[in-house]
Amino acid sequence: QVQVVESGGGLVQAGGSLRLSCVSSGRRFSSNGIGWFRQAPGKQRESVALIYSSGSTNYADAVKGRFTISRDNAKKTVYLQMNSLKIEDTAVYYCVIYDPPEEHWGQGTQVTVSS
């Protein structure tokens, strides 16, 4: 069973920054696409960013220009650098490892942005 563990969440003021980390125990990490999702209270889970095995990336419109996803295959870790945080970025952030036909989700890390 692949373990996925997120960390780096916390409380930050609007305009501040946080860096989330996602560590995987999977053996095929370098060939996996990896995504960050978030879920705010009362809302559906939404995609935030995706990084492919090639290193190419996709971002939700709401975070373009503020968030950056990156990966370190040697450390089996994906990062989400979040800058210029807004109150509406408050959510639980989840990492997912795409390992077809399976998906491996972490337990999430809380990000709270205060005014």
Protein backbone atom coordinates (compact mmCIF):
# COMPACT_ATOMS: atom_id res chain seq x y z
CA GLN A 1 0.00 0.00 0.00
CA VAL A 2 1.39 3.36 -1.02
CA GLN A 3 1.54 5.87 1.83
CA VAL A 4 1.05 9.54 1.09
CA VAL A 5 1.73 12.14 3.78
CA GLU A 6 1.16 15.87 3.47
CA SER A 7 2.71 18.47 5.74
CA GLY A 8 3.39 22.18 5.91
CA GLY A 9 -0.06 23.55 6.55
CA GLY A 10 -0.80 26.12 9.20
CA LEU A 11 -2.16 29.54 10.01
CA VAL A 12 -0.89 32.47 7.97
CA GLN A 13 -1.98 36.04 7.39
CA ALA A 14 -3.35 37.13 4.04
CA GLY A 15 -0.47 37.96 1.71
CA GLY A 16 1.79 35.44 3.36
CA SER A 17 3.33 32.22 2.08
CA LEU A 18 3.38 28.55 2.92
CA ARG A 19 5.05 25.55 1.36
CA LEU A 20 3.27 22.23 1.46
CA SER A 21 5.05 18.93 1.06
CA CYS A 22 3.76 15.55 -0.04
CA VAL A 23 5.90 12.47 0.53
CA SER A 24 5.12 9.14 -1.09
CA SER A 25 6.31 5.63 -0.32
CA GLY A 26 5.56 4.43 -3.84
CA ARG A 27 8.22 2.73 -5.92
CA ARG A 28 7.10 4.30 -9.20
CA PHE A 29 7.06 7.87 -7.95
CA SER A 30 9.08 9.31 -10.81
CA SER A 31 6.58 8.00 -13.35
CA ASN A 32 3.49 9.19 -11.49
CA GLY A 33 1.46 12.29 -12.11
CA ILE A 34 0.74 14.05 -8.84
CA GLY A 35 -1.94 16.53 -7.93
CA TRP A 36 -2.86 18.91 -5.16
CA PHE A 37 -6.54 19.35 -4.35
CA ARG A 38 -8.29 21.39 -1.70
CA GLN A 39 -11.62 21.34 0.06
CA ALA A 40 -13.05 24.30 1.90
CA PRO A 41 -15.86 23.92 4.44
CA GLY A 42 -19.18 23.34 2.69
CA LYS A 43 -17.57 23.15 -0.74
CA GLN A 44 -16.60 20.39 -3.09
CA ARG A 45 -13.02 19.26 -3.41
CA GLU A 46 -11.32 21.10 -6.26
CA SER A 47 -8.12 20.67 -8.20
CA VAL A 48 -5.37 23.15 -7.45
CA ALA A 49 -2.32 22.00 -9.38
CA LEU A 50 -0.96 19.01 -11.23
CA ILE A 51 2.53 17.96 -12.17
CA TYR A 52 3.20 15.24 -14.71
CA SER A 53 6.11 12.81 -14.75
CA SER A 54 7.63 15.00 -17.47
CA GLY A 55 7.61 17.97 -15.11
CA SER A 56 4.96 19.88 -16.99
CA THR A 57 2.31 21.51 -14.84
CA ASN A 58 -1.29 22.69 -14.79
CA TYR A 59 -2.91 25.14 -12.40
CA ALA A 60 -6.42 26.16 -11.49
CA ASP A 61 -7.20 29.69 -12.62
CA ALA A 62 -7.71 30.75 -9.00
CA VAL A 63 -4.07 30.06 -8.11
CA LYS A 64 -2.18 30.82 -11.33
CA GLY A 65 0.71 33.15 -10.72
CA ARG A 66 0.59 32.58 -6.95
CA PHE A 67 1.14 28.83 -6.47
CA THR A 68 3.95 26.69 -7.84
CA ILE A 69 4.03 22.89 -7.88
CA SER A 70 7.35 21.10 -8.13
CA ARG A 71 8.76 17.64 -7.53
CA ASP A 72 11.94 16.03 -6.28
CA ASN A 73 11.92 12.45 -7.50
CA ALA A 74 14.98 11.51 -5.47
CA LYS A 75 13.10 12.44 -2.31
CA LYS A 76 9.75 11.16 -3.59
CA THR A 77 8.33 14.52 -2.64
CA VAL A 78 6.08 17.05 -4.31
CA TYR A 79 5.87 20.62 -3.12
CA LEU A 80 3.24 23.31 -3.40
CA GLN A 81 4.67 26.77 -2.86
CA MET A 82 1.82 29.13 -2.06
CA ASN A 83 2.46 32.87 -2.19
CA SER A 84 0.19 35.89 -1.85
CA LEU A 85 -2.29 33.77 0.07
CA LYS A 86 -5.89 34.92 0.22
CA ILE A 87 -8.60 34.19 2.76
CA GLU A 88 -10.37 32.14 0.12
CA ASP A 89 -7.37 29.79 -0.03
CA THR A 90 -8.41 28.46 3.37
CA ALA A 91 -9.03 24.73 3.01
CA VAL A 92 -7.73 21.28 3.68
CA TYR A 93 -5.13 20.52 1.04
CA TYR A 94 -4.74 16.97 -0.24
CA CYS A 95 -2.11 15.31 -2.34
CA VAL A 96 -2.96 12.50 -4.78
CA ILE A 97 -0.57 10.13 -6.50
CA TYR A 98 -1.87 8.86 -9.85
CA ASP A 99 -0.66 5.28 -10.21
CA PRO A 100 -3.04 3.75 -12.75
CA PRO A 101 -5.37 2.09 -12.16
CA GLU A 102 -5.08 3.37 -8.58
CA GLU A 103 -5.06 6.74 -6.88
CA HIS A 104 -3.38 7.23 -3.55
CA TRP A 105 -4.63 10.08 -1.37
CA GLY A 106 -3.14 11.57 1.73
CA GLN A 107 -5.04 12.64 4.83
CA GLY A 108 -4.69 16.33 4.09
CA THR A 109 -3.15 19.33 5.77
CA GLN A 110 -5.11 22.36 6.97
CA VAL A 111 -4.28 25.78 5.58
CA THR A 112 -5.95 28.73 7.25
CA VAL A 113 -5.49 32.25 5.94
CA SER A 114 -6.53 35.06 8.28
CA SER A 115 -7.20 38.73 7.56
